[in-house]
Amino acid sequence: MSKKINLFANLKSDFASGLVVFLVALPLCLGIAMASGAPLFSGIISGIIGGLVVGYLSQSHISVSGPAAGLTAIILTAITDFGAFDVFLTAVFIAGLIQLGLGFLKAGSISNYFPTNVIEGMLAGIGVIIILKQIPHAFGYDADFEGDQSFVQSNGDNSFSSLFEVFNHIQLGAVIITVVSLVILISWDRVPFLRKLKLVPGALIAVISGIALNEVFIMTGSSFAISSAHLVSLPVPTSFDEFKEIIITPNFAGITNPKVWITGLTIAIVASIETLLCIEAADRMDVQKRYTNTNVELKAQGIGNIVSSLLGGLPMTSVVVRSSANNNAGAKSKMSTIIHGFLLLLSVLAVPVLLNKIPLATLATILILVGYKLAKPATIKHFWEKGKYQFIPFIATLVAVVATDLLKGVMLGMVISIIFILRGNLKRAYSFKKDEYVDGDVIHIDLAQEVSFLNKAAIKSTLSSIPANSHVIINAHDTVYIAHDILDLISEFKEIKARDNNIKVKLKGFKNAYDLENSPESANHVSLEHYYDVAKRKLIKKETVNSTFNK
């Protein structure tokens, strides 16, 4: 049984961090909904459910769930194919059921096999993406939607070309607000008396300052005034009936459509992998080094997607950007995530007009600092100093995440890591040394603990290069497992090449029945009791075993 957590134990710091995450999540929820071709309010619903439902059920203390940029292409294609958003919601419902099943099947344990350097490369890559994507917003160029992580943008630009396009669309009002916000955020972390005001996060002060500055620009008729196109754009229902119309429920008539099931399965797989990657990343960010039960997380995500679909929300995953903002803001427990969900709900019901005055430039500044903390040069230097086997998968993952997407980047990093592991395993399969004796060369080949078929080529090459008239000792005393391919190879060497080239072969420590049949002289190097045990299994008479030892 897991230890019960007091959610209110760190309310002061959790409320401040929850407020910061709310400010970051609001435009991301809207932007991802817009990019997905879904109703804007569906992104907010997903964020609310991610905070309140998944936040409560999850055991992660840092991660925050909500609509994810990695699912936008799947969602847009599905809604276009189905021709109706309510049919798509049925696919989301199915995806939730599948994720719930994966949790009970303990599929979350695959996250234990993600290498640290790949996870860190993924985080750094997302940090670079955040910086590249938010710089245009900081200068008042909002052609790309908030929350986009794709290298190639919908307007034909890419993450780098849009930086140059900024020079043609600079808004001085946005630049002024960005600079003021940046000064506030940096000062809030570094000025001693400001750091003591933990209950009031610097992000909130930056947002209030951004709103106030723009209101001054508008009232004075200044050319610096930022238009509504560059502000948060939250839907504002004017009556209860309008609010009810926002809630869309699934059309379960689509349950008989095979495409709905395929879409549900696709969402479940992609969302689960992204969630496991983000949970692993969140656990690494957690300063208290607490670990999340990933099987419980899959169940929480499944229930969250089921509830989200029933209320007209988008599918969700654990999201690195929001989780990073949560961690950087000083979150101590998952209460921060729950508070962010509550604030999203409250803002929609009570103050949507006020939220629509927030300049995107201010939010971009907050996110740029989040991105910098993920991709700071010290992290790159750390892996460079660890050597090429750590650095190459790290930097390859970073570059691939920026140039493609999160899943493809991690996949490339994993492939490179596996290649390095296999290469290292080949080298560690055995040690090979020559000792000079008076009566000739004695060549020692000491096998490692595990020798698999992957080591066959290297061992074969070594045995082939042994000169004639040598004395070879092949030692398997420390070996736990030897593949049959390797045993066959050694046997063939001993029976054919060694005999033809006058090579004396001595086998030590080969402890399985194969050796009793093929290499009786190795009995000098194992216990008699062991051979009795082998003989019993092989139905060999005890007298034969004694005869073998007498030889």
Protein backbone atom coordinates (compact mmCIF):
# COMPACT_ATOMS: atom_id res chain seq x y z
CA MET A 1 0.00 0.00 0.00
CA SER A 2 1.26 3.48 -0.84
CA LYS A 3 1.67 6.04 1.89
CA LYS A 4 -1.22 8.48 2.17
CA ILE A 5 -0.28 12.00 1.11
CA ASN A 6 -1.50 15.17 2.82
CA LEU A 7 -2.39 17.34 -0.16
CA PHE A 8 -2.58 20.49 1.97
CA ALA A 9 0.83 20.11 3.62
CA ASN A 10 2.52 22.49 1.15
CA LEU A 11 -0.43 24.62 0.15
CA LYS A 12 1.53 27.89 0.16
CA SER A 13 4.09 26.83 -2.46
CA ASP A 14 1.63 24.60 -4.35
CA PHE A 15 -0.86 27.43 -4.79
CA ALA A 16 1.83 29.71 -6.22
CA SER A 17 3.07 27.05 -8.65
CA GLY A 18 -0.49 26.08 -9.58
CA LEU A 19 -1.16 29.69 -10.49
CA VAL A 20 1.91 29.79 -12.75
CA VAL A 21 0.91 26.56 -14.48
CA PHE A 22 -2.60 27.94 -14.99
CA LEU A 23 -1.19 31.00 -16.75
CA VAL A 24 1.00 28.79 -18.97
CA ALA A 25 -1.70 26.18 -19.65
CA LEU A 26 -4.50 28.59 -20.64
CA PRO A 27 -3.12 29.71 -24.04
CA LEU A 28 -1.67 26.25 -24.72
CA CYS A 29 -5.10 24.62 -24.27
CA LEU A 30 -6.67 27.13 -26.65
CA GLY A 31 -3.86 26.94 -29.20
CA ILE A 32 -3.84 23.15 -29.37
CA ALA A 33 -7.64 23.05 -29.75
CA MET A 34 -7.40 25.57 -32.61
CA ALA A 35 -4.64 23.58 -34.34
CA SER A 36 -6.64 20.36 -33.94
CA GLY A 37 -9.69 21.76 -35.74
CA ALA A 38 -11.71 21.26 -32.55
CA PRO A 39 -13.93 23.73 -30.64
CA LEU A 40 -11.72 26.08 -28.58
CA PHE A 41 -13.54 25.18 -25.40
CA SER A 42 -12.61 21.48 -25.82
CA GLY A 43 -8.98 22.34 -25.05
CA ILE A 44 -9.98 24.10 -21.82
CA ILE A 45 -12.15 21.13 -20.78
CA SER A 46 -9.21 18.79 -21.34
CA GLY A 47 -6.99 21.05 -19.22
CA ILE A 48 -9.56 21.14 -16.41
CA ILE A 49 -9.95 17.35 -16.38
CA GLY A 50 -6.16 16.93 -16.59
CA GLY A 51 -5.81 19.06 -13.47
CA LEU A 52 -8.73 17.93 -11.35
CA VAL A 53 -9.25 14.27 -12.30
CA VAL A 54 -5.83 13.06 -13.47
CA GLY A 55 -4.11 15.32 -10.96
CA TYR A 56 -6.04 13.67 -8.12
CA LEU A 57 -5.70 10.07 -9.35
CA SER A 58 -2.05 10.26 -10.41
CA GLN A 59 0.78 9.52 -8.01
CA SER A 60 3.12 11.96 -9.75
CA HIS A 61 3.96 15.03 -7.68
CA ILE A 62 5.24 17.20 -10.53
CA SER A 63 3.63 16.23 -13.84
CA VAL A 64 0.69 18.15 -15.29
CA SER A 65 -1.71 16.68 -17.85
CA GLY A 66 -3.68 18.38 -20.59
CA PRO A 67 -4.12 18.53 -24.36
CA ALA A 68 -0.83 17.74 -26.12
CA ALA A 69 0.67 19.14 -29.30
CA GLY A 70 1.81 15.64 -30.26
CA LEU A 71 -1.81 14.60 -30.82
CA THR A 72 -2.91 17.55 -32.99
CA ALA A 73 -2.26 15.84 -36.34
CA ILE A 74 -4.15 12.71 -35.25
CA ILE A 75 -7.08 14.77 -33.96
CA LEU A 76 -7.29 17.01 -37.04
CA THR A 77 -7.21 14.02 -39.42
CA ALA A 78 -9.82 12.12 -37.41
CA ILE A 79 -12.27 15.04 -37.14
CA THR A 80 -11.91 15.68 -40.89
CA ASP A 81 -12.50 12.00 -41.74
CA PHE A 82 -15.48 11.59 -39.40
CA GLY A 83 -16.98 14.95 -40.34
CA ALA A 84 -18.27 15.38 -36.79
CA PHE A 85 -16.58 16.23 -33.50
CA ASP A 86 -19.03 14.13 -31.47
CA VAL A 87 -18.02 10.98 -33.38
CA PHE A 88 -14.38 11.78 -32.66
CA LEU A 89 -15.23 11.97 -28.94
CA THR A 90 -16.27 8.30 -29.14
CA ALA A 91 -12.72 7.47 -30.29
CA VAL A 92 -11.36 9.40 -27.29
CA PHE A 93 -13.66 7.37 -25.01
CA ILE A 94 -12.27 4.14 -26.52
CA ALA A 95 -8.71 5.42 -26.10
CA GLY A 96 -9.39 5.99 -22.41
CA LEU A 97 -10.69 2.44 -21.99
CA ILE A 98 -7.58 1.04 -23.72
CA GLN A 99 -5.26 3.11 -21.50
CA LEU A 100 -7.13 1.89 -18.43
CA GLY A 101 -6.58 -1.69 -19.62
CA LEU A 102 -2.88 -1.02 -20.24
CA GLY A 103 -2.58 0.18 -16.66
CA PHE A 104 -4.07 -3.05 -15.31
CA LEU A 105 -1.75 -5.03 -17.62
CA LYS A 106 1.21 -3.14 -16.05
CA ALA A 107 2.37 -1.79 -19.41
CA GLY A 108 3.75 1.27 -17.62
CA SER A 109 6.85 -0.67 -16.62
CA ILE A 110 8.38 -0.07 -20.08
CA SER A 111 9.33 3.42 -18.87
CA ASN A 112 12.10 1.81 -16.79
CA TYR A 113 13.98 1.10 -20.02
CA PHE A 114 14.31 4.73 -21.16
CA PRO A 115 18.00 5.75 -20.78
CA THR A 116 18.72 8.87 -18.74
CA ASN A 117 20.66 10.58 -21.52
CA VAL A 118 17.74 10.10 -23.93
CA ILE A 119 15.24 11.54 -21.42
CA GLU A 120 17.54 14.50 -20.75
CA GLY A 121 18.01 14.96 -24.52
CA MET A 122 14.22 14.99 -24.93
CA LEU A 123 13.88 17.65 -22.22
CA ALA A 124 16.62 19.79 -23.74
CA GLY A 125 15.05 19.41 -27.19
CA ILE A 126 11.67 20.56 -25.89
CA GLY A 127 13.43 23.46 -24.18
CA VAL A 128 14.94 24.52 -27.52
CA ILE A 129 11.54 24.17 -29.21
CA ILE A 130 9.89 26.37 -26.57
CA ILE A 131 12.51 29.09 -27.04
CA LEU A 132 12.32 28.98 -30.85
CA LYS A 133 8.52 28.99 -30.88
CA GLN A 134 8.04 31.72 -28.26
CA ILE A 135 10.56 34.28 -29.57
CA PRO A 136 8.15 35.38 -32.39
CA HIS A 137 5.31 35.79 -29.84
CA ALA A 138 7.63 37.85 -27.64
CA PHE A 139 8.09 40.30 -30.55
CA GLY A 140 4.40 40.42 -31.43
CA TYR A 141 4.43 37.99 -34.37
CA ASP A 142 1.67 35.45 -33.67
CA ALA A 143 1.30 33.65 -37.00
CA ASP A 144 1.88 30.27 -35.33
CA PHE A 145 -0.51 28.96 -32.69
CA GLU A 146 0.48 28.68 -29.03
CA GLY A 147 1.55 25.17 -28.14
CA ASP A 148 2.85 24.21 -31.58
CA GLN A 149 5.96 22.01 -31.38
CA SER A 150 6.30 21.09 -35.06
CA PHE A 151 9.44 22.14 -36.92
CA VAL A 152 7.42 22.87 -40.07
CA GLN A 153 4.56 25.25 -39.31
CA SER A 154 1.12 25.39 -40.87
CA ASN A 155 1.92 28.74 -42.60
CA GLY A 156 4.87 27.20 -44.47
CA ASP A 157 7.57 28.60 -42.20
CA ASN A 158 9.73 26.49 -39.92
CA SER A 159 11.12 27.09 -36.46
CA PHE A 160 14.19 28.89 -37.84
CA SER A 161 12.74 30.79 -40.80
CA SER A 162 10.01 32.27 -38.57
CA LEU A 163 12.75 33.90 -36.49
CA PHE A 164 13.85 35.91 -39.54
CA GLU A 165 10.23 36.67 -40.42
CA VAL A 166 9.90 38.33 -37.01
CA PHE A 167 11.87 41.35 -38.29
CA ASN A 168 9.00 42.16 -40.67
CA HIS A 169 6.34 42.03 -37.95
CA ILE A 170 7.90 43.60 -34.83
CA GLN A 171 5.38 45.35 -32.55
CA LEU A 172 7.09 47.79 -30.21
CA GLY A 173 4.32 47.44 -27.63
CA ALA A 174 4.89 43.70 -27.44
CA VAL A 175 8.67 44.21 -27.18
CA ILE A 176 8.22 46.67 -24.29
CA ILE A 177 5.93 44.25 -22.44
CA THR A 178 8.37 41.39 -23.08
CA VAL A 179 11.31 43.37 -21.66
CA VAL A 180 9.33 44.46 -18.59
CA SER A 181 8.11 40.88 -18.01
CA LEU A 182 11.65 39.54 -18.39
CA VAL A 183 13.02 42.02 -15.85
CA ILE A 184 10.28 41.10 -13.37
CA LEU A 185 10.75 37.35 -13.77
CA ILE A 186 14.56 37.45 -13.43
CA SER A 187 14.41 39.88 -10.50
CA TRP A 188 11.81 37.74 -8.72
CA ASP A 189 14.30 34.86 -8.63
CA ARG A 190 17.40 36.88 -7.75
CA VAL A 191 16.46 39.87 -5.58
CA PRO A 192 16.48 38.60 -1.95
CA PHE A 193 13.42 40.43 -0.60
CA LEU A 194 11.35 39.46 -3.67
CA ARG A 195 12.29 35.80 -3.33
CA LYS A 196 10.62 35.79 0.10
CA LEU A 197 7.25 36.52 -1.51
CA LYS A 198 6.73 32.89 -2.49
CA LEU A 199 2.94 33.07 -2.34
CA VAL A 200 2.95 35.67 -5.13
CA PRO A 201 4.77 34.18 -8.14
CA GLY A 202 6.75 36.45 -10.43
CA ALA A 203 4.72 35.15 -13.38
CA LEU A 204 1.54 36.61 -11.91
CA ILE A 205 3.19 40.01 -11.39
CA ALA A 206 4.50 39.86 -14.98
CA VAL A 207 1.00 39.10 -16.30
CA ILE A 208 -0.60 41.90 -14.27
CA SER A 209 2.09 44.31 -15.46
CA GLY A 210 1.56 43.24 -19.08
CA ILE A 211 -2.20 43.82 -18.83
CA ALA A 212 -1.69 47.19 -17.11
CA LEU A 213 0.86 48.41 -19.67
CA ASN A 214 -1.35 47.49 -22.60
CA GLU A 215 -4.38 49.15 -20.99
CA VAL A 216 -2.30 52.33 -20.62
CA PHE A 217 -1.30 52.10 -24.29
CA ILE A 218 -4.97 51.71 -25.29
CA MET A 219 -6.25 54.55 -23.09
CA THR A 220 -3.60 56.98 -24.33
CA GLY A 221 -4.19 56.03 -27.95
CA SER A 222 -0.57 54.95 -28.32
CA SER A 223 0.66 53.08 -31.38
CA PHE A 224 2.18 50.64 -28.91
CA ALA A 225 -1.28 49.25 -28.08
CA ILE A 226 -1.59 45.50 -28.70
CA SER A 227 -4.67 44.42 -30.62
CA SER A 228 -6.97 41.55 -29.59
CA ALA A 229 -5.32 39.29 -32.20
CA HIS A 230 -2.21 39.22 -29.97
CA LEU A 231 -4.03 38.60 -26.70
CA VAL A 232 -5.43 35.45 -25.07
CA SER A 233 -8.69 34.53 -26.78
CA LEU A 234 -10.95 32.58 -24.43
CA PRO A 235 -14.57 31.91 -25.53
CA VAL A 236 -17.00 34.05 -23.50
CA PRO A 237 -20.51 32.60 -23.13
CA THR A 238 -23.03 35.38 -22.43
CA SER A 239 -25.77 33.15 -21.02
CA PHE A 240 -26.26 29.79 -19.35
CA ASP A 241 -27.81 28.39 -22.54
CA GLU A 242 -24.69 29.38 -24.50
CA PHE A 243 -22.57 27.72 -21.87
CA LYS A 244 -24.58 24.49 -22.16
CA GLU A 245 -24.15 24.50 -25.92
CA ILE A 246 -20.38 24.47 -25.46
CA ILE A 247 -20.56 21.00 -23.85
CA ILE A 248 -20.60 18.35 -26.60
CA THR A 249 -21.16 14.68 -25.75
CA PRO A 250 -19.93 11.62 -27.72
CA ASN A 251 -22.06 10.16 -30.46
CA PHE A 252 -21.85 6.48 -29.56
CA ALA A 253 -23.48 5.51 -32.85
CA GLY A 254 -19.92 5.69 -34.19
CA ILE A 255 -18.91 2.72 -32.01
CA THR A 256 -19.62 0.38 -34.96
CA ASN A 257 -17.25 2.30 -37.26
CA PRO A 258 -13.88 0.46 -37.52
CA LYS A 259 -12.11 3.80 -38.19
CA VAL A 260 -13.29 5.04 -34.79
CA TRP A 261 -11.63 2.05 -33.11
CA ILE A 262 -8.43 2.50 -35.11
CA THR A 263 -8.32 6.17 -34.11
CA GLY A 264 -8.99 5.25 -30.48
CA LEU A 265 -6.16 2.70 -30.50
CA THR A 266 -3.78 5.19 -32.17
CA ILE A 267 -4.56 7.88 -29.59
CA ALA A 268 -4.16 5.38 -26.74
CA ILE A 269 -0.72 4.21 -27.93
CA VAL A 270 0.68 7.66 -28.74
CA ALA A 271 -0.76 9.28 -25.61
CA SER A 272 0.51 6.45 -23.39
CA ILE A 273 4.05 6.60 -24.77
CA GLU A 274 4.16 10.40 -24.47
CA THR A 275 2.82 10.16 -20.93
CA LEU A 276 5.42 7.59 -19.87
CA LEU A 277 8.20 9.69 -21.37
CA CYS A 278 6.94 12.81 -19.61
CA ILE A 279 6.48 11.01 -16.29
CA GLU A 280 10.05 9.74 -16.49
CA ALA A 281 11.19 13.30 -17.25
CA ALA A 282 9.10 14.75 -14.42
CA ASP A 283 10.57 12.26 -11.93
CA ARG A 284 14.05 13.35 -13.01
CA MET A 285 13.12 17.01 -12.48
CA ASP A 286 11.69 16.36 -9.02
CA VAL A 287 14.23 17.70 -6.50
CA GLN A 288 12.94 15.23 -3.91
CA LYS A 289 13.60 12.34 -6.33
CA ARG A 290 10.21 10.70 -5.81
CA TYR A 291 9.19 7.99 -8.26
CA THR A 292 5.81 7.61 -9.92
CA ASN A 293 3.96 4.32 -10.32
CA THR A 294 3.57 4.41 -14.11
CA ASN A 295 0.86 1.73 -14.13
CA VAL A 296 -1.27 3.91 -11.85
CA GLU A 297 -0.49 6.84 -14.16
CA LEU A 298 -1.84 4.95 -17.21
CA LYS A 299 -5.03 4.19 -15.27
CA ALA A 300 -5.35 7.86 -14.27
CA GLN A 301 -4.82 8.98 -17.88
CA GLY A 302 -7.39 6.44 -19.07
CA ILE A 303 -10.02 7.65 -16.62
CA GLY A 304 -9.14 11.25 -17.48
CA ASN A 305 -9.67 10.65 -21.20
CA ILE A 306 -12.96 8.85 -20.56
CA VAL A 307 -14.27 11.80 -18.49
CA SER A 308 -12.88 14.34 -20.98
CA SER A 309 -14.65 12.63 -23.89
CA LEU A 310 -17.98 12.59 -22.01
CA LEU A 311 -17.73 16.38 -21.46
CA GLY A 312 -16.52 17.28 -24.97
CA GLY A 313 -12.80 17.60 -24.22
CA LEU A 314 -9.71 16.69 -26.23
CA PRO A 315 -7.55 13.65 -25.44
CA MET A 316 -4.72 14.41 -23.02
CA THR A 317 -1.28 13.26 -21.95
CA SER A 318 1.20 14.26 -19.31
CA VAL A 319 2.90 17.32 -20.83
CA VAL A 320 6.53 18.35 -20.37
CA VAL A 321 6.03 22.11 -20.87
CA ARG A 322 3.44 22.42 -18.09
CA SER A 323 5.28 19.95 -15.86
CA SER A 324 8.51 21.94 -16.27
CA ALA A 325 6.73 25.19 -15.43
CA ASN A 326 5.23 23.48 -12.39
CA ASN A 327 8.61 22.26 -11.18
CA ASN A 328 10.35 25.59 -11.82
CA ALA A 329 7.62 27.41 -9.89
CA GLY A 330 8.43 25.33 -6.80
CA ALA A 331 5.64 22.73 -6.71
CA LYS A 332 5.93 20.35 -3.77
CA SER A 333 3.01 17.98 -4.42
CA LYS A 334 0.28 17.15 -6.91
CA MET A 335 -1.95 19.70 -5.18
CA SER A 336 -0.34 22.23 -7.53
CA THR A 337 -1.76 20.35 -10.54
CA ILE A 338 -5.22 20.18 -8.94
CA ILE A 339 -5.13 23.94 -8.20
CA HIS A 340 -4.22 24.71 -11.83
CA GLY A 341 -7.26 22.68 -12.96
CA PHE A 342 -9.51 24.48 -10.48
CA LEU A 343 -8.24 27.88 -11.66
CA LEU A 344 -8.93 26.93 -15.29
CA LEU A 345 -12.51 26.04 -14.33
CA LEU A 346 -12.94 29.20 -12.26
CA SER A 347 -11.55 31.42 -15.01
CA VAL A 348 -13.95 30.03 -17.58
CA LEU A 349 -16.95 30.56 -15.30
CA ALA A 350 -16.02 33.87 -13.68
CA VAL A 351 -13.36 36.00 -15.39
CA PRO A 352 -13.00 35.13 -19.10
CA VAL A 353 -13.14 38.83 -20.10
CA LEU A 354 -10.20 39.69 -17.81
CA LEU A 355 -8.14 36.74 -19.08
CA ASN A 356 -8.66 37.92 -22.65
CA LYS A 357 -6.62 41.03 -21.80
CA ILE A 358 -3.41 39.02 -21.21
CA PRO A 359 -0.78 39.76 -23.91
CA LEU A 360 0.72 36.68 -25.52
CA ALA A 361 4.10 38.44 -25.26
CA THR A 362 4.01 38.13 -21.45
CA LEU A 363 3.18 34.43 -21.59
CA ALA A 364 5.91 33.93 -24.20
CA THR A 365 8.45 35.44 -21.80
CA ILE A 366 7.41 33.01 -19.04
CA LEU A 367 7.77 30.07 -21.43
CA ILE A 368 11.15 31.22 -22.77
CA LEU A 369 12.56 31.06 -19.24
CA VAL A 370 11.02 27.59 -18.80
CA GLY A 371 12.69 26.53 -22.06
CA TYR A 372 16.05 27.92 -20.99
CA LYS A 373 15.98 25.93 -17.75
CA LEU A 374 15.33 22.77 -19.76
CA ALA A 375 18.07 23.41 -22.33
CA LYS A 376 20.65 25.37 -20.38
CA PRO A 377 24.27 25.02 -21.59
CA ALA A 378 25.32 23.39 -18.30
CA THR A 379 23.25 20.30 -19.21
CA ILE A 380 24.93 19.98 -22.61
CA LYS A 381 28.35 20.44 -20.99
CA HIS A 382 27.51 17.76 -18.40
CA PHE A 383 26.86 15.10 -21.04
CA TRP A 384 29.85 16.22 -23.13
CA GLU A 385 32.08 15.55 -20.13
CA LYS A 386 30.55 12.09 -19.67
CA GLY A 387 32.03 10.90 -22.97
CA LYS A 388 30.76 10.06 -26.42
CA TYR A 389 28.62 7.09 -25.38
CA GLN A 390 26.51 9.41 -23.21
CA PHE A 391 26.78 12.57 -25.30
CA ILE A 392 25.94 11.21 -28.78
CA PRO A 393 22.52 9.72 -27.83
CA PHE A 394 21.79 12.88 -25.81
CA ILE A 395 22.59 15.35 -28.61
CA ALA A 396 20.98 13.14 -31.29
CA THR A 397 17.75 13.04 -29.27
CA LEU A 398 17.87 16.82 -28.75
CA VAL A 399 18.35 17.59 -32.46
CA ALA A 400 15.78 15.01 -33.61
CA VAL A 401 13.12 16.25 -31.16
CA VAL A 402 13.58 19.79 -32.52
CA ALA A 403 13.66 18.71 -36.19
CA THR A 404 10.88 16.09 -36.08
CA ASP A 405 8.82 15.43 -32.95
CA LEU A 406 9.09 14.02 -29.45
CA LEU A 407 8.43 10.37 -30.30
CA LYS A 408 10.74 10.22 -33.33
CA GLY A 409 13.48 12.01 -31.43
CA VAL A 410 13.30 9.61 -28.51
CA MET A 411 13.17 6.65 -30.89
CA LEU A 412 16.40 7.79 -32.57
CA GLY A 413 18.08 8.27 -29.19
CA MET A 414 16.98 4.81 -28.09
CA VAL A 415 18.29 3.19 -31.28
CA ILE A 416 21.70 4.88 -30.88
CA SER A 417 21.84 3.90 -27.20
CA ILE A 418 21.02 0.27 -28.05
CA ILE A 419 23.73 0.22 -30.74
CA PHE A 420 26.26 1.50 -28.21
CA ILE A 421 25.12 -1.10 -25.68
CA LEU A 422 25.48 -3.90 -28.23
CA ARG A 423 28.88 -2.61 -29.28
CA GLY A 424 30.01 -2.45 -25.66
CA ASN A 425 28.58 -5.90 -25.04
CA LEU A 426 30.61 -7.26 -27.96
CA LYS A 427 33.78 -5.83 -26.48
CA ARG A 428 33.02 -7.10 -23.00
CA ALA A 429 32.16 -10.64 -24.04
CA TYR A 430 35.66 -11.86 -23.22
CA SER A 431 39.15 -10.73 -22.41
CA PHE A 432 42.04 -11.92 -24.54
CA LYS A 433 45.64 -11.95 -23.40
CA LYS A 434 48.96 -13.66 -24.23
CA ASP A 435 51.49 -14.81 -21.65
CA GLU A 436 55.01 -15.85 -22.68
CA TYR A 437 56.17 -19.15 -21.19
CA VAL A 438 59.41 -21.01 -21.66
CA ASP A 439 57.68 -23.90 -23.33
CA GLY A 440 55.66 -21.71 -25.73
CA ASP A 441 52.80 -19.26 -25.95
CA VAL A 442 49.80 -19.70 -23.68
CA ILE A 443 46.76 -17.75 -24.82
CA HIS A 444 44.04 -17.01 -22.25
CA ILE A 445 40.46 -16.29 -23.32
CA ASP A 446 38.31 -15.39 -20.30
CA LEU A 447 34.58 -15.27 -21.06
CA ALA A 448 32.32 -12.67 -19.45
CA GLN A 449 29.26 -13.35 -17.26
CA GLU A 450 26.93 -13.46 -20.25
CA VAL A 451 27.97 -14.50 -23.74
CA SER A 452 25.15 -14.28 -26.30
CA PHE A 453 24.85 -14.89 -30.03
CA LEU A 454 25.72 -11.21 -30.48
CA ASN A 455 29.27 -12.05 -29.43
CA LYS A 456 29.66 -14.83 -31.98
CA ALA A 457 31.38 -12.76 -34.68
CA ALA A 458 33.99 -11.30 -32.29
CA ILE A 459 34.83 -14.67 -30.69
CA LYS A 460 34.95 -16.37 -34.07
CA SER A 461 37.42 -13.76 -35.32
CA THR A 462 39.62 -14.25 -32.25
CA LEU A 463 39.66 -18.03 -32.52
CA SER A 464 40.45 -17.83 -36.23
CA SER A 465 43.49 -15.65 -35.55
CA ILE A 466 45.11 -18.02 -33.02
CA PRO A 467 48.44 -19.20 -34.50
CA ALA A 468 49.40 -22.86 -34.93
CA ASN A 469 51.25 -24.75 -32.18
CA SER A 470 49.70 -22.56 -29.48
CA HIS A 471 48.29 -23.48 -26.10
CA VAL A 472 44.82 -21.99 -25.52
CA ILE A 473 42.90 -21.80 -22.24
CA ILE A 474 39.22 -20.83 -22.57
CA ASN A 475 37.92 -19.94 -19.11
CA ALA A 476 34.19 -19.82 -18.30
CA HIS A 477 34.44 -19.87 -14.49
CA ASP A 478 32.71 -16.48 -14.17
CA THR A 479 30.18 -17.14 -16.90
CA VAL A 480 26.49 -17.53 -16.00
CA TYR A 481 25.07 -17.88 -19.48
CA ILE A 482 26.57 -19.05 -22.78
CA ALA A 483 24.48 -19.25 -25.94
CA HIS A 484 24.46 -22.57 -27.78
CA ASP A 485 25.88 -20.80 -30.84
CA ILE A 486 29.00 -19.95 -28.84
CA LEU A 487 29.30 -23.48 -27.45
CA ASP A 488 29.02 -24.88 -30.98
CA LEU A 489 31.68 -22.45 -32.16
CA ILE A 490 34.10 -23.44 -29.37
CA SER A 491 33.44 -27.13 -29.97
CA GLU A 492 34.09 -26.80 -33.71
CA PHE A 493 37.30 -24.89 -33.02
CA LYS A 494 38.49 -27.54 -30.60
CA GLU A 495 37.58 -30.52 -32.75
CA ILE A 496 38.65 -29.21 -36.17
CA LYS A 497 40.87 -26.12 -36.27
CA ALA A 498 42.80 -26.92 -33.09
CA ARG A 499 43.43 -30.51 -34.19
CA ASP A 500 44.52 -29.50 -37.69
CA ASN A 501 46.87 -26.76 -36.45
CA ASN A 502 48.33 -28.55 -33.44
CA ILE A 503 46.64 -26.16 -30.99
CA LYS A 504 46.21 -27.48 -27.47
CA VAL A 505 42.87 -26.39 -26.00
CA LYS A 506 41.97 -26.47 -22.32
CA LEU A 507 38.41 -25.61 -21.24
CA LYS A 508 37.73 -24.35 -17.73
CA GLY A 509 34.45 -23.82 -15.93
CA PHE A 510 32.03 -25.05 -18.58
CA LYS A 511 29.24 -26.29 -16.33
CA ASN A 512 26.45 -27.68 -18.50
CA ALA A 513 25.53 -31.01 -20.01
CA TYR A 514 26.84 -29.96 -23.40
CA ASP A 515 30.40 -30.09 -22.06
CA LEU A 516 29.99 -33.60 -20.61
CA GLU A 517 29.18 -34.91 -24.06
CA ASN A 518 31.72 -32.90 -26.04
CA SER A 519 34.53 -31.91 -23.71
CA PRO A 520 35.16 -34.59 -21.05
CA GLU A 521 38.63 -33.23 -20.30
CA SER A 522 37.02 -30.09 -18.87
CA ALA A 523 35.91 -32.30 -15.97
CA ASN A 524 39.26 -31.53 -14.34
CA HIS A 525 37.97 -28.03 -13.72
CA VAL A 526 34.54 -28.66 -12.21
CA SER A 527 33.34 -30.53 -9.15
CA LEU A 528 32.59 -34.23 -9.10
CA GLU A 529 29.24 -33.51 -7.43
CA HIS A 530 28.35 -31.27 -10.36
CA TYR A 531 29.08 -34.04 -12.83
CA TYR A 532 27.01 -36.52 -10.84
CA ASP A 533 24.14 -34.02 -11.05
CA VAL A 534 24.64 -33.59 -14.80
CA ALA A 535 24.94 -37.37 -15.22
CA LYS A 536 21.68 -37.92 -13.41
CA ARG A 537 19.90 -35.49 -15.72
CA LYS A 538 21.52 -37.03 -18.80
CA LEU A 539 20.95 -40.62 -17.62
CA ILE A 540 24.68 -41.34 -17.79
CA LYS A 541 25.93 -44.13 -15.57
CA LYS A 542 27.92 -43.20 -12.49
CA GLU A 543 30.76 -45.45 -13.61
CA THR A 544 31.14 -43.38 -16.80
CA VAL A 545 31.51 -40.21 -14.75
CA ASN A 546 34.16 -41.83 -12.52
CA SER A 547 35.98 -43.02 -15.61
CA THR A 548 35.94 -39.48 -16.98
CA PHE A 549 37.51 -38.12 -13.80
CA ASN A 550 40.10 -40.88 -13.66
CA LYS A 551 41.28 -39.85 -17.12
